[in-house]
Amino acid sequence: MIKNLNIHALKRMRHRINRLYGPQEVEHLLERMVALIGRYGIGFEGYSAAERWSETSAVLITYGDMVQNGDELPLQVLKRFADRHLSGAVNTVHILPFCPYSSDDGFSVIDYREVDPNLGSWEDIQNLGRGFRLMFDLVLNHVSRKSTWFVDYVANIAPYRDFFIEEDPETDLSAVVRPRNLPLLTPVHTRHGDVHLWTTFSDDQIDLDFAN
């Protein structure tokens, strides 16, 4: 499977995986990434010079519901607004988190595979992309405690029982600097006992463990 993909993209992926996880994990993780890319239909097609990000790019950064019109789905309203008022002036629309969430204006993702139905659908995202290049906020530091990942972690179900960062509450974390003044560790009762989990932003946003 790997040999059929763009060799330059694979080299970049291999280099970055090596830096993050070390040489012993490179081939295993690369195989897994390629399998996921194939499953979800993401390709390695190149971009023309006109399509690339540059100093000439004009970008609208917005939440999915910043432009509204009564009971219409906001992403559909955004599409119509952008086509009518931004075409020719803006070439890229950057949509802030639009997945189902439980707090923090979308930054506590419940399900990465879905669009918040209060905003619209994947079809609405695709329609917007027909007139503009799209950028998204992909929140990878943490997930909502209402996500199935966290629910299964609490139930001690593999592989999710290894998805989060457990820390001894006696550990000296005074050197950690972050943009919140809430407790860094959150106590959680799980099927395998009481633990303290790393929660950089809030007790509803449980940090993911990318070390495993």
N, C-alpha and C. Protein backbone atom coordinates (compact mmCIF):
# COMPACT_ATOMS: atom_id res chain seq x y z
N MET A 1 0.83 -1.20 0.00
CA MET A 1 0.00 0.00 0.00
C MET A 1 0.87 1.26 0.00
N ILE A 2 1.92 1.26 0.82
CA ILE A 2 2.75 2.45 0.94
C ILE A 2 3.41 2.82 -0.37
N LYS A 3 3.87 1.82 -1.14
CA LYS A 3 4.64 2.13 -2.33
C LYS A 3 3.82 2.83 -3.40
N ASN A 4 2.48 2.80 -3.29
CA ASN A 4 1.62 3.44 -4.28
C ASN A 4 1.36 4.91 -3.99
N LEU A 5 1.86 5.43 -2.87
CA LEU A 5 1.61 6.81 -2.50
C LEU A 5 2.79 7.69 -2.89
N ASN A 6 2.54 8.99 -2.87
CA ASN A 6 3.56 9.97 -3.22
C ASN A 6 4.79 9.80 -2.33
N ILE A 7 5.94 9.55 -2.95
CA ILE A 7 7.15 9.22 -2.20
C ILE A 7 7.63 10.39 -1.35
N HIS A 8 7.45 11.61 -1.84
CA HIS A 8 7.90 12.78 -1.08
C HIS A 8 7.06 12.98 0.18
N ALA A 9 5.75 12.75 0.05
CA ALA A 9 4.88 12.86 1.22
C ALA A 9 5.23 11.79 2.25
N LEU A 10 5.52 10.59 1.78
CA LEU A 10 5.88 9.51 2.69
C LEU A 10 7.19 9.81 3.41
N LYS A 11 8.14 10.40 2.71
CA LYS A 11 9.41 10.76 3.35
C LYS A 11 9.19 11.78 4.46
N ARG A 12 8.33 12.77 4.19
CA ARG A 12 8.04 13.77 5.21
C ARG A 12 7.35 13.14 6.41
N MET A 13 6.40 12.25 6.14
CA MET A 13 5.70 11.57 7.23
C MET A 13 6.68 10.73 8.05
N ARG A 14 7.54 9.99 7.37
CA ARG A 14 8.51 9.13 8.07
C ARG A 14 9.44 9.97 8.95
N HIS A 15 9.89 11.10 8.42
CA HIS A 15 10.80 11.97 9.17
C HIS A 15 10.11 12.49 10.43
N ARG A 16 8.86 12.91 10.32
CA ARG A 16 8.16 13.49 11.46
C ARG A 16 7.81 12.43 12.50
N ILE A 17 7.43 11.25 12.04
CA ILE A 17 7.15 10.16 12.98
C ILE A 17 8.41 9.79 13.74
N ASN A 18 9.53 9.76 13.03
CA ASN A 18 10.80 9.43 13.67
C ASN A 18 11.14 10.43 14.77
N ARG A 19 10.91 11.72 14.49
CA ARG A 19 11.21 12.76 15.49
C ARG A 19 10.31 12.63 16.71
N LEU A 20 9.05 12.27 16.49
CA LEU A 20 8.09 12.20 17.59
C LEU A 20 8.21 10.92 18.40
N TYR A 21 8.38 9.79 17.72
CA TYR A 21 8.25 8.50 18.40
C TYR A 21 9.50 7.63 18.35
N GLY A 22 10.51 8.04 17.58
CA GLY A 22 11.73 7.26 17.53
C GLY A 22 11.73 6.25 16.39
N PRO A 23 12.93 5.80 15.97
CA PRO A 23 13.06 4.93 14.79
C PRO A 23 12.39 3.58 14.94
N GLN A 24 12.26 3.08 16.17
CA GLN A 24 11.69 1.75 16.36
C GLN A 24 10.19 1.71 16.05
N GLU A 25 9.54 2.88 16.02
CA GLU A 25 8.09 2.92 15.79
C GLU A 25 7.72 3.39 14.38
N VAL A 26 8.71 3.80 13.60
CA VAL A 26 8.42 4.48 12.33
C VAL A 26 7.57 3.63 11.40
N GLU A 27 8.03 2.43 11.06
CA GLU A 27 7.34 1.64 10.04
C GLU A 27 5.95 1.22 10.51
N HIS A 28 5.86 0.84 11.77
CA HIS A 28 4.56 0.43 12.31
C HIS A 28 3.54 1.56 12.25
N LEU A 29 3.94 2.75 12.70
CA LEU A 29 3.02 3.88 12.72
C LEU A 29 2.73 4.39 11.31
N LEU A 30 3.72 4.33 10.44
CA LEU A 30 3.50 4.76 9.06
C LEU A 30 2.47 3.87 8.38
N GLU A 31 2.55 2.57 8.61
CA GLU A 31 1.56 1.65 8.06
C GLU A 31 0.16 1.99 8.55
N ARG A 32 0.05 2.30 9.84
CA ARG A 32 -1.26 2.64 10.40
C ARG A 32 -1.80 3.93 9.80
N MET A 33 -0.92 4.93 9.63
CA MET A 33 -1.36 6.20 9.05
C MET A 33 -1.82 6.02 7.61
N VAL A 34 -1.09 5.24 6.85
CA VAL A 34 -1.46 5.01 5.46
C VAL A 34 -2.80 4.28 5.38
N ALA A 35 -3.02 3.34 6.29
CA ALA A 35 -4.30 2.63 6.31
C ALA A 35 -5.45 3.58 6.59
N LEU A 36 -5.25 4.51 7.52
CA LEU A 36 -6.29 5.49 7.83
C LEU A 36 -6.53 6.44 6.66
N ILE A 37 -5.44 6.85 6.01
CA ILE A 37 -5.57 7.72 4.84
C ILE A 37 -6.39 7.03 3.76
N GLY A 38 -6.11 5.75 3.53
CA GLY A 38 -6.87 5.00 2.54
C GLY A 38 -8.33 4.83 2.93
N ARG A 39 -8.57 4.61 4.22
CA ARG A 39 -9.94 4.38 4.69
C ARG A 39 -10.82 5.59 4.48
N TYR A 40 -10.26 6.78 4.74
CA TYR A 40 -11.07 7.99 4.69
C TYR A 40 -10.90 8.77 3.40
N GLY A 41 -10.21 8.19 2.42
CA GLY A 41 -10.17 8.79 1.10
C GLY A 41 -9.34 10.05 1.00
N ILE A 42 -8.33 10.19 1.86
CA ILE A 42 -7.47 11.36 1.80
C ILE A 42 -6.28 11.04 0.91
N GLY A 43 -6.00 11.87 -0.06
CA GLY A 43 -4.93 11.59 -1.00
C GLY A 43 -3.73 12.48 -0.81
N PHE A 44 -2.75 12.28 -1.67
CA PHE A 44 -1.53 13.07 -1.64
C PHE A 44 -1.40 13.91 -2.91
N GLU A 45 -2.54 14.29 -3.50
CA GLU A 45 -2.47 15.07 -4.72
C GLU A 45 -1.71 16.37 -4.48
N GLY A 46 -0.91 16.75 -5.45
CA GLY A 46 -0.15 17.99 -5.31
C GLY A 46 -1.03 19.21 -5.53
N TYR A 47 -0.51 20.36 -5.14
CA TYR A 47 -1.23 21.62 -5.33
C TYR A 47 -0.47 22.47 -6.33
N SER A 48 -1.23 23.20 -7.15
CA SER A 48 -0.60 24.13 -8.06
C SER A 48 -0.13 25.34 -7.27
N ALA A 49 0.72 26.16 -7.90
CA ALA A 49 1.22 27.35 -7.22
C ALA A 49 0.08 28.27 -6.81
N ALA A 50 -0.96 28.34 -7.64
CA ALA A 50 -2.09 29.23 -7.35
C ALA A 50 -2.89 28.75 -6.15
N GLU A 51 -2.82 27.45 -5.86
CA GLU A 51 -3.61 26.89 -4.75
C GLU A 51 -2.87 26.93 -3.42
N ARG A 52 -1.60 27.20 -3.44
CA ARG A 52 -0.82 27.15 -2.21
C ARG A 52 -1.03 28.41 -1.36
N TRP A 53 -0.86 28.23 -0.07
CA TRP A 53 -0.90 29.34 0.88
C TRP A 53 0.28 30.26 0.63
N SER A 54 0.04 31.57 0.60
CA SER A 54 1.13 32.52 0.38
C SER A 54 0.78 33.85 1.03
N GLU A 55 1.69 34.83 0.88
CA GLU A 55 1.46 36.16 1.46
C GLU A 55 0.31 36.89 0.76
N THR A 56 -0.13 36.38 -0.39
CA THR A 56 -1.25 37.02 -1.09
C THR A 56 -2.60 36.47 -0.66
N SER A 57 -2.61 35.45 0.18
CA SER A 57 -3.87 34.84 0.60
C SER A 57 -4.65 35.79 1.51
N ALA A 58 -5.94 35.86 1.28
CA ALA A 58 -6.85 36.62 2.15
C ALA A 58 -7.80 35.62 2.80
N VAL A 59 -7.81 35.60 4.13
CA VAL A 59 -8.49 34.53 4.86
C VAL A 59 -9.56 35.11 5.79
N LEU A 60 -10.74 34.54 5.72
CA LEU A 60 -11.78 34.82 6.70
C LEU A 60 -11.71 33.73 7.77
N ILE A 61 -11.51 34.13 9.03
CA ILE A 61 -11.51 33.18 10.15
C ILE A 61 -12.82 33.37 10.91
N THR A 62 -13.59 32.30 11.04
CA THR A 62 -14.92 32.44 11.61
C THR A 62 -15.38 31.17 12.30
N TYR A 63 -16.21 31.32 13.30
CA TYR A 63 -16.97 30.18 13.80
C TYR A 63 -18.07 29.86 12.79
N GLY A 64 -18.53 28.63 12.83
CA GLY A 64 -19.54 28.21 11.87
C GLY A 64 -20.87 28.91 12.02
N ASP A 65 -21.12 29.52 13.17
CA ASP A 65 -22.42 30.15 13.40
C ASP A 65 -22.34 31.67 13.54
N MET A 66 -21.28 32.27 13.04
CA MET A 66 -21.13 33.72 13.18
C MET A 66 -22.08 34.50 12.26
N VAL A 67 -22.50 33.89 11.17
CA VAL A 67 -23.45 34.54 10.26
C VAL A 67 -24.74 33.73 10.30
N GLN A 68 -25.82 34.37 10.74
CA GLN A 68 -27.06 33.64 10.93
C GLN A 68 -28.22 34.36 10.26
N ASN A 69 -29.26 33.57 9.98
CA ASN A 69 -30.48 34.11 9.39
C ASN A 69 -31.66 33.26 9.83
N GLY A 70 -32.26 33.66 10.95
CA GLY A 70 -33.41 32.93 11.45
C GLY A 70 -33.09 31.49 11.78
N ASP A 71 -33.91 30.57 11.27
CA ASP A 71 -33.77 29.15 11.58
C ASP A 71 -32.91 28.40 10.56
N GLU A 72 -32.34 29.09 9.59
CA GLU A 72 -31.49 28.42 8.61
C GLU A 72 -30.23 27.88 9.27
N LEU A 73 -29.72 26.79 8.75
CA LEU A 73 -28.48 26.24 9.27
C LEU A 73 -27.34 27.23 9.00
N PRO A 74 -26.56 27.57 10.01
CA PRO A 74 -25.54 28.62 9.86
C PRO A 74 -24.52 28.38 8.76
N LEU A 75 -24.11 27.13 8.53
CA LEU A 75 -23.12 26.89 7.48
C LEU A 75 -23.69 27.19 6.10
N GLN A 76 -24.98 26.99 5.92
CA GLN A 76 -25.61 27.34 4.65
C GLN A 76 -25.69 28.85 4.49
N VAL A 77 -25.96 29.54 5.59
CA VAL A 77 -25.99 31.00 5.55
C VAL A 77 -24.59 31.54 5.26
N LEU A 78 -23.58 30.94 5.90
CA LEU A 78 -22.19 31.37 5.66
C LEU A 78 -21.82 31.20 4.20
N LYS A 79 -22.21 30.09 3.60
CA LYS A 79 -21.93 29.85 2.18
C LYS A 79 -22.53 30.95 1.31
N ARG A 80 -23.79 31.26 1.55
CA ARG A 80 -24.46 32.28 0.74
C ARG A 80 -23.84 33.67 0.96
N PHE A 81 -23.53 33.97 2.23
CA PHE A 81 -22.89 35.25 2.55
C PHE A 81 -21.52 35.37 1.87
N ALA A 82 -20.73 34.31 1.96
CA ALA A 82 -19.39 34.35 1.39
C ALA A 82 -19.44 34.49 -0.13
N ASP A 83 -20.34 33.75 -0.77
CA ASP A 83 -20.47 33.85 -2.22
C ASP A 83 -20.86 35.26 -2.65
N ARG A 84 -21.74 35.87 -1.89
CA ARG A 84 -22.29 37.17 -2.28
C ARG A 84 -21.35 38.32 -1.95
N HIS A 85 -20.67 38.25 -0.81
CA HIS A 85 -19.93 39.42 -0.33
C HIS A 85 -18.41 39.26 -0.31
N LEU A 86 -17.92 38.03 -0.36
CA LEU A 86 -16.47 37.83 -0.19
C LEU A 86 -15.77 37.32 -1.44
N SER A 87 -16.51 36.80 -2.38
CA SER A 87 -15.89 36.24 -3.59
C SER A 87 -15.07 37.30 -4.31
N GLY A 88 -13.82 36.96 -4.60
CA GLY A 88 -12.91 37.89 -5.25
C GLY A 88 -12.05 38.68 -4.29
N ALA A 89 -12.50 38.81 -3.04
CA ALA A 89 -11.72 39.52 -2.03
C ALA A 89 -11.05 38.55 -1.07
N VAL A 90 -11.74 37.47 -0.75
CA VAL A 90 -11.23 36.43 0.15
C VAL A 90 -11.14 35.13 -0.62
N ASN A 91 -10.02 34.43 -0.49
CA ASN A 91 -9.92 33.15 -1.21
C ASN A 91 -9.94 31.94 -0.29
N THR A 92 -9.88 32.16 1.03
CA THR A 92 -9.83 31.05 1.98
C THR A 92 -10.76 31.34 3.16
N VAL A 93 -11.52 30.33 3.56
CA VAL A 93 -12.35 30.43 4.75
C VAL A 93 -11.83 29.43 5.78
N HIS A 94 -11.45 29.95 6.92
CA HIS A 94 -10.96 29.13 8.03
C HIS A 94 -12.09 29.01 9.05
N ILE A 95 -12.64 27.80 9.17
CA ILE A 95 -13.74 27.57 10.10
C ILE A 95 -13.18 27.02 11.41
N LEU A 96 -13.46 27.71 12.49
CA LEU A 96 -13.06 27.24 13.82
C LEU A 96 -13.86 25.98 14.16
N PRO A 97 -13.53 25.26 15.23
CA PRO A 97 -14.09 23.91 15.44
C PRO A 97 -15.59 23.82 15.19
N PHE A 98 -15.97 22.81 14.40
CA PHE A 98 -17.38 22.67 14.01
C PHE A 98 -17.93 21.28 14.32
N CYS A 99 -17.18 20.47 15.06
CA CYS A 99 -17.67 19.15 15.45
C CYS A 99 -18.59 19.28 16.67
N PRO A 100 -19.39 18.26 16.96
CA PRO A 100 -20.17 18.28 18.21
C PRO A 100 -19.24 18.47 19.40
N TYR A 101 -19.66 19.28 20.38
CA TYR A 101 -18.78 19.61 21.50
C TYR A 101 -19.60 19.78 22.77
N SER A 102 -18.90 19.87 23.90
CA SER A 102 -19.59 20.01 25.18
C SER A 102 -19.25 21.30 25.92
N SER A 103 -18.20 22.02 25.49
CA SER A 103 -17.85 23.28 26.15
C SER A 103 -16.80 24.02 25.33
N ASP A 104 -16.44 25.22 25.81
CA ASP A 104 -15.32 26.00 25.26
C ASP A 104 -15.47 26.30 23.77
N ASP A 105 -16.67 26.66 23.35
CA ASP A 105 -16.92 27.11 21.98
C ASP A 105 -16.38 26.15 20.92
N GLY A 106 -16.55 24.87 21.14
CA GLY A 106 -16.15 23.88 20.14
C GLY A 106 -14.84 23.20 20.40
N PHE A 107 -14.06 23.68 21.37
CA PHE A 107 -12.74 23.12 21.61
C PHE A 107 -12.76 21.95 22.60
N SER A 108 -13.92 21.36 22.79
CA SER A 108 -14.03 20.12 23.58
C SER A 108 -14.81 19.12 22.72
N VAL A 109 -14.11 18.50 21.78
CA VAL A 109 -14.75 17.72 20.72
C VAL A 109 -15.30 16.40 21.26
N ILE A 110 -16.55 16.12 20.91
CA ILE A 110 -17.17 14.85 21.28
C ILE A 110 -16.94 13.80 20.19
N ASP A 111 -17.04 14.21 18.93
CA ASP A 111 -16.92 13.26 17.81
C ASP A 111 -16.27 13.97 16.63
N TYR A 112 -15.04 13.54 16.29
CA TYR A 112 -14.30 14.17 15.19
C TYR A 112 -14.91 13.87 13.82
N ARG A 113 -15.74 12.87 13.73
CA ARG A 113 -16.25 12.43 12.43
C ARG A 113 -17.53 13.15 12.01
N GLU A 114 -18.09 13.93 12.91
CA GLU A 114 -19.38 14.54 12.64
C GLU A 114 -19.29 16.07 12.65
N VAL A 115 -20.19 16.68 11.90
CA VAL A 115 -20.40 18.13 11.98
C VAL A 115 -21.52 18.38 12.98
N ASP A 116 -21.36 19.38 13.82
CA ASP A 116 -22.42 19.73 14.77
C ASP A 116 -23.71 19.96 13.99
N PRO A 117 -24.76 19.17 14.24
CA PRO A 117 -26.00 19.33 13.47
C PRO A 117 -26.65 20.70 13.64
N ASN A 118 -26.29 21.42 14.70
CA ASN A 118 -26.80 22.78 14.86
C ASN A 118 -26.18 23.75 13.86
N LEU A 119 -25.04 23.34 13.26
CA LEU A 119 -24.37 24.17 12.27
C LEU A 119 -24.71 23.75 10.85
N GLY A 120 -24.81 22.44 10.62
CA GLY A 120 -25.05 21.94 9.27
C GLY A 120 -24.52 20.54 9.11
N SER A 121 -23.93 20.26 7.96
CA SER A 121 -23.50 18.90 7.63
C SER A 121 -22.20 18.94 6.84
N TRP A 122 -21.63 17.74 6.59
CA TRP A 122 -20.45 17.67 5.74
C TRP A 122 -20.76 18.17 4.33
N GLU A 123 -21.98 17.97 3.88
CA GLU A 123 -22.36 18.48 2.56
C GLU A 123 -22.26 20.00 2.52
N ASP A 124 -22.65 20.66 3.61
CA ASP A 124 -22.55 22.12 3.68
C ASP A 124 -21.08 22.56 3.64
N ILE A 125 -20.22 21.80 4.32
CA ILE A 125 -18.78 22.11 4.28
C ILE A 125 -18.26 21.96 2.85
N GLN A 126 -18.65 20.89 2.18
CA GLN A 126 -18.21 20.66 0.80
C GLN A 126 -18.71 21.76 -0.13
N ASN A 127 -19.94 22.19 0.07
CA ASN A 127 -20.49 23.25 -0.78
C ASN A 127 -19.72 24.55 -0.60
N LEU A 128 -19.36 24.88 0.62
CA LEU A 128 -18.56 26.08 0.87
C LEU A 128 -17.21 25.97 0.17
N GLY A 129 -16.65 24.76 0.15
CA GLY A 129 -15.35 24.54 -0.46
C GLY A 129 -15.35 24.64 -1.97
N ARG A 130 -16.50 24.70 -2.59
CA ARG A 130 -16.54 24.84 -4.04
C ARG A 130 -16.18 26.25 -4.49
N GLY A 131 -16.32 27.21 -3.59
CA GLY A 131 -15.98 28.58 -3.96
C GLY A 131 -14.76 29.14 -3.25
N PHE A 132 -14.31 28.43 -2.21
CA PHE A 132 -13.19 28.93 -1.41
C PHE A 132 -12.32 27.76 -0.96
N ARG A 133 -11.04 28.04 -0.78
CA ARG A 133 -10.20 27.07 -0.10
C ARG A 133 -10.61 27.04 1.36
N LEU A 134 -10.48 25.90 1.99
CA LEU A 134 -10.94 25.75 3.36
C LEU A 134 -9.79 25.40 4.30
N MET A 135 -9.87 25.95 5.50
CA MET A 135 -8.97 25.58 6.59
C MET A 135 -9.84 25.29 7.81
N PHE A 136 -9.36 24.38 8.67
CA PHE A 136 -10.12 24.02 9.86
C PHE A 136 -9.21 23.99 11.08
N ASP A 137 -9.79 24.18 12.24
CA ASP A 137 -9.11 23.92 13.50
C ASP A 137 -9.33 22.45 13.86
N LEU A 138 -8.25 21.68 13.91
CA LEU A 138 -8.34 20.28 14.33
C LEU A 138 -7.81 20.21 15.75
N VAL A 139 -8.69 19.98 16.71
CA VAL A 139 -8.33 20.02 18.12
C VAL A 139 -7.80 18.65 18.53
N LEU A 140 -6.48 18.53 18.60
CA LEU A 140 -5.87 17.23 18.87
C LEU A 140 -5.26 17.13 20.26
N ASN A 141 -5.20 18.22 21.00
CA ASN A 141 -4.59 18.15 22.33
C ASN A 141 -5.46 17.38 23.31
N HIS A 142 -6.79 17.47 23.14
CA HIS A 142 -7.69 16.90 24.12
C HIS A 142 -9.04 16.59 23.48
N VAL A 143 -9.86 15.82 24.20
CA VAL A 143 -11.23 15.55 23.76
C VAL A 143 -12.18 15.83 24.93
N SER A 144 -13.45 15.90 24.60
CA SER A 144 -14.48 16.09 25.62
C SER A 144 -14.61 14.85 26.50
N ARG A 145 -14.92 15.06 27.76
CA ARG A 145 -15.17 13.92 28.63
C ARG A 145 -16.46 13.20 28.25
N LYS A 146 -17.26 13.79 27.35
CA LYS A 146 -18.46 13.13 26.84
C LYS A 146 -18.18 12.31 25.58
N SER A 147 -16.95 12.33 25.11
CA SER A 147 -16.60 11.56 23.91
C SER A 147 -16.61 10.07 24.24
N THR A 148 -16.83 9.24 23.22
CA THR A 148 -16.80 7.79 23.43
C THR A 148 -15.40 7.34 23.83
N TRP A 149 -14.38 8.05 23.38
CA TRP A 149 -13.01 7.69 23.77
C TRP A 149 -12.86 7.75 25.29
N PHE A 150 -13.34 8.84 25.89
CA PHE A 150 -13.19 8.98 27.34
C PHE A 150 -14.13 8.04 28.09
N VAL A 151 -15.34 7.89 27.60
CA VAL A 151 -16.29 6.97 28.24
C VAL A 151 -15.72 5.56 28.26
N ASP A 152 -15.09 5.14 27.16
CA ASP A 152 -14.50 3.80 27.11
C ASP A 152 -13.23 3.72 27.95
N TYR A 153 -12.51 4.82 28.08
CA TYR A 153 -11.36 4.85 28.98
C TYR A 153 -11.81 4.58 30.42
N VAL A 154 -12.85 5.27 30.84
CA VAL A 154 -13.36 5.09 32.20
C VAL A 154 -13.80 3.64 32.43
N ALA A 155 -14.32 3.02 31.37
CA ALA A 155 -14.77 1.62 31.46
C ALA A 155 -13.62 0.63 31.28
N ASN A 156 -12.39 1.15 31.08
CA ASN A 156 -11.19 0.31 30.94
C ASN A 156 -11.26 -0.59 29.70
N ILE A 157 -11.76 -0.02 28.61
CA ILE A 157 -11.89 -0.75 27.35
C ILE A 157 -10.73 -0.39 26.43
N ALA A 158 -10.06 -1.41 25.89
CA ALA A 158 -8.97 -1.19 24.94
C ALA A 158 -9.54 -0.72 23.61
N PRO A 159 -8.79 0.11 22.87
CA PRO A 159 -7.48 0.68 23.21
C PRO A 159 -7.57 1.98 24.00
N TYR A 160 -8.80 2.41 24.33
CA TYR A 160 -8.99 3.75 24.90
C TYR A 160 -8.43 3.88 26.31
N ARG A 161 -8.22 2.76 26.99
CA ARG A 161 -7.67 2.84 28.35
C ARG A 161 -6.24 3.38 28.35
N ASP A 162 -5.62 3.49 27.17
CA ASP A 162 -4.27 4.05 27.07
C ASP A 162 -4.26 5.42 26.39
N PHE A 163 -5.42 6.03 26.22
CA PHE A 163 -5.52 7.26 25.43
C PHE A 163 -5.23 8.53 26.22
N PHE A 164 -5.17 8.44 27.56
CA PHE A 164 -5.09 9.66 28.36
C PHE A 164 -3.91 9.60 29.32
N ILE A 165 -3.55 10.76 29.86
CA ILE A 165 -2.31 10.89 30.64
C ILE A 165 -2.63 10.84 32.13
N GLU A 166 -2.25 9.76 32.77
CA GLU A 166 -2.41 9.64 34.22
C GLU A 166 -1.16 10.19 34.90
N GLU A 167 -1.37 10.91 36.00
CA GLU A 167 -0.24 11.54 36.69
C GLU A 167 -0.43 11.43 38.20
N ASP A 168 0.66 11.20 38.89
CA ASP A 168 0.64 11.18 40.35
C ASP A 168 0.36 12.60 40.85
N PRO A 169 -0.68 12.79 41.67
CA PRO A 169 -1.01 14.14 42.13
C PRO A 169 0.07 14.77 43.00
N GLU A 170 1.04 13.96 43.47
CA GLU A 170 2.13 14.49 44.27
C GLU A 170 3.28 15.03 43.41
N THR A 171 3.19 14.83 42.11
CA THR A 171 4.24 15.31 41.20
C THR A 171 4.31 16.84 41.23
N ASP A 172 5.51 17.37 41.27
CA ASP A 172 5.70 18.82 41.26
C ASP A 172 5.50 19.34 39.83
N LEU A 173 4.40 20.03 39.61
CA LEU A 173 4.08 20.57 38.28
C LEU A 173 4.12 22.10 38.28
N SER A 174 4.83 22.66 39.23
CA SER A 174 4.85 24.11 39.39
C SER A 174 5.51 24.83 38.21
N ALA A 175 6.32 24.11 37.44
CA ALA A 175 7.01 24.75 36.31
C ALA A 175 6.15 24.79 35.05
N VAL A 176 4.98 24.16 35.09
CA VAL A 176 4.11 24.13 33.91
C VAL A 176 3.44 25.49 33.75
N VAL A 177 3.59 26.08 32.57
CA VAL A 177 2.97 27.37 32.25
C VAL A 177 1.87 27.13 31.22
N ARG A 178 0.69 27.65 31.47
CA ARG A 178 -0.43 27.44 30.55
C ARG A 178 -1.41 28.59 30.66
N PRO A 179 -2.32 28.72 29.69
CA PRO A 179 -3.20 29.89 29.63
C PRO A 179 -4.46 29.77 30.49
N ARG A 180 -4.50 28.88 31.45
CA ARG A 180 -5.66 28.73 32.33
C ARG A 180 -5.20 28.65 33.78
N ASN A 181 -6.09 29.02 34.70
CA ASN A 181 -5.74 28.92 36.12
C ASN A 181 -6.53 27.83 36.83
N LEU A 182 -7.16 26.94 36.07
CA LEU A 182 -7.85 25.80 36.65
C LEU A 182 -6.84 24.72 37.02
N PRO A 183 -7.21 23.76 37.88
CA PRO A 183 -6.27 22.69 38.25
C PRO A 183 -5.76 21.94 37.02
N LEU A 184 -4.48 21.65 37.01
CA LEU A 184 -3.87 20.94 35.88
C LEU A 184 -4.28 19.48 35.86
N LEU A 185 -4.46 18.88 37.02
CA LEU A 185 -4.87 17.48 37.12
C LEU A 185 -6.31 17.40 37.62
N THR A 186 -7.06 16.46 37.03
CA THR A 186 -8.46 16.28 37.41
C THR A 186 -8.66 14.86 37.92
N PRO A 187 -9.21 14.69 39.14
CA PRO A 187 -9.48 13.34 39.64
C PRO A 187 -10.63 12.70 38.88
N VAL A 188 -10.45 11.43 38.53
CA VAL A 188 -11.46 10.70 37.77
C VAL A 188 -11.61 9.30 38.37
N HIS A 189 -12.84 8.88 38.57
CA HIS A 189 -13.09 7.52 39.04
C HIS A 189 -13.31 6.62 37.82
N THR A 190 -12.50 5.58 37.69
CA THR A 190 -12.60 4.67 36.56
C THR A 190 -12.79 3.25 37.06
N ARG A 191 -13.03 2.37 36.12
CA ARG A 191 -13.23 0.96 36.47
C ARG A 191 -11.97 0.34 37.05
N HIS A 192 -10.80 0.89 36.68
CA HIS A 192 -9.55 0.34 37.21
C HIS A 192 -9.02 1.16 38.39
N GLY A 193 -9.87 2.02 38.95
CA GLY A 193 -9.48 2.75 40.15
C GLY A 193 -9.56 4.26 39.98
N ASP A 194 -9.24 4.97 41.04
CA ASP A 194 -9.22 6.43 41.01
C ASP A 194 -7.88 6.92 40.47
N VAL A 195 -7.94 7.83 39.52
CA VAL A 195 -6.72 8.35 38.90
C VAL A 195 -6.83 9.87 38.79
N HIS A 196 -5.70 10.49 38.51
CA HIS A 196 -5.66 11.92 38.18
C HIS A 196 -5.20 12.05 36.73
N LEU A 197 -5.97 12.77 35.95
CA LEU A 197 -5.68 12.94 34.52
C LEU A 197 -5.24 14.36 34.22
N TRP A 198 -4.37 14.46 33.23
CA TRP A 198 -3.87 15.75 32.78
C TRP A 198 -4.97 16.47 32.00
N THR A 199 -5.32 17.68 32.46
CA THR A 199 -6.36 18.48 31.81
C THR A 199 -5.85 19.92 31.69
N THR A 200 -5.17 20.20 30.60
CA THR A 200 -4.50 21.50 30.43
C THR A 200 -5.49 22.66 30.47
N PHE A 201 -6.67 22.49 29.87
CA PHE A 201 -7.57 23.62 29.70
C PHE A 201 -8.77 23.61 30.65
N SER A 202 -9.36 22.45 30.91
CA SER A 202 -10.47 22.37 31.85
C SER A 202 -10.74 20.91 32.16
N ASP A 203 -11.57 20.66 33.18
CA ASP A 203 -11.87 19.28 33.53
C ASP A 203 -12.80 18.61 32.53
N ASP A 204 -13.31 19.37 31.56
CA ASP A 204 -14.12 18.80 30.49
C ASP A 204 -13.28 18.48 29.25
N GLN A 205 -12.01 18.90 29.26
CA GLN A 205 -11.12 18.71 28.11
C GLN A 205 -9.95 17.85 28.57
N ILE A 206 -10.05 16.56 28.28
CA ILE A 206 -9.09 15.58 28.79
C ILE A 206 -7.95 15.41 27.78
N ASP A 207 -6.72 15.70 28.22
CA ASP A 207 -5.58 15.65 27.31
C ASP A 207 -5.34 14.23 26.79
N LEU A 208 -5.01 14.14 25.51
CA LEU A 208 -4.69 12.86 24.89
C LEU A 208 -3.21 12.54 25.07
N ASP A 209 -2.91 11.26 25.19
CA ASP A 209 -1.54 10.80 25.38
C ASP A 209 -0.99 10.31 24.04
N PHE A 210 -0.15 11.13 23.41
CA PHE A 210 0.42 10.77 22.12
C PHE A 210 1.72 9.99 22.27
N ALA A 211 2.07 9.64 23.49
CA ALA A 211 3.31 8.89 23.71
C ALA A 211 3.12 7.40 23.49
N ASN A 212 1.87 6.93 23.44
CA ASN A 212 1.69 5.48 23.33
C ASN A 212 1.45 5.08 21.88
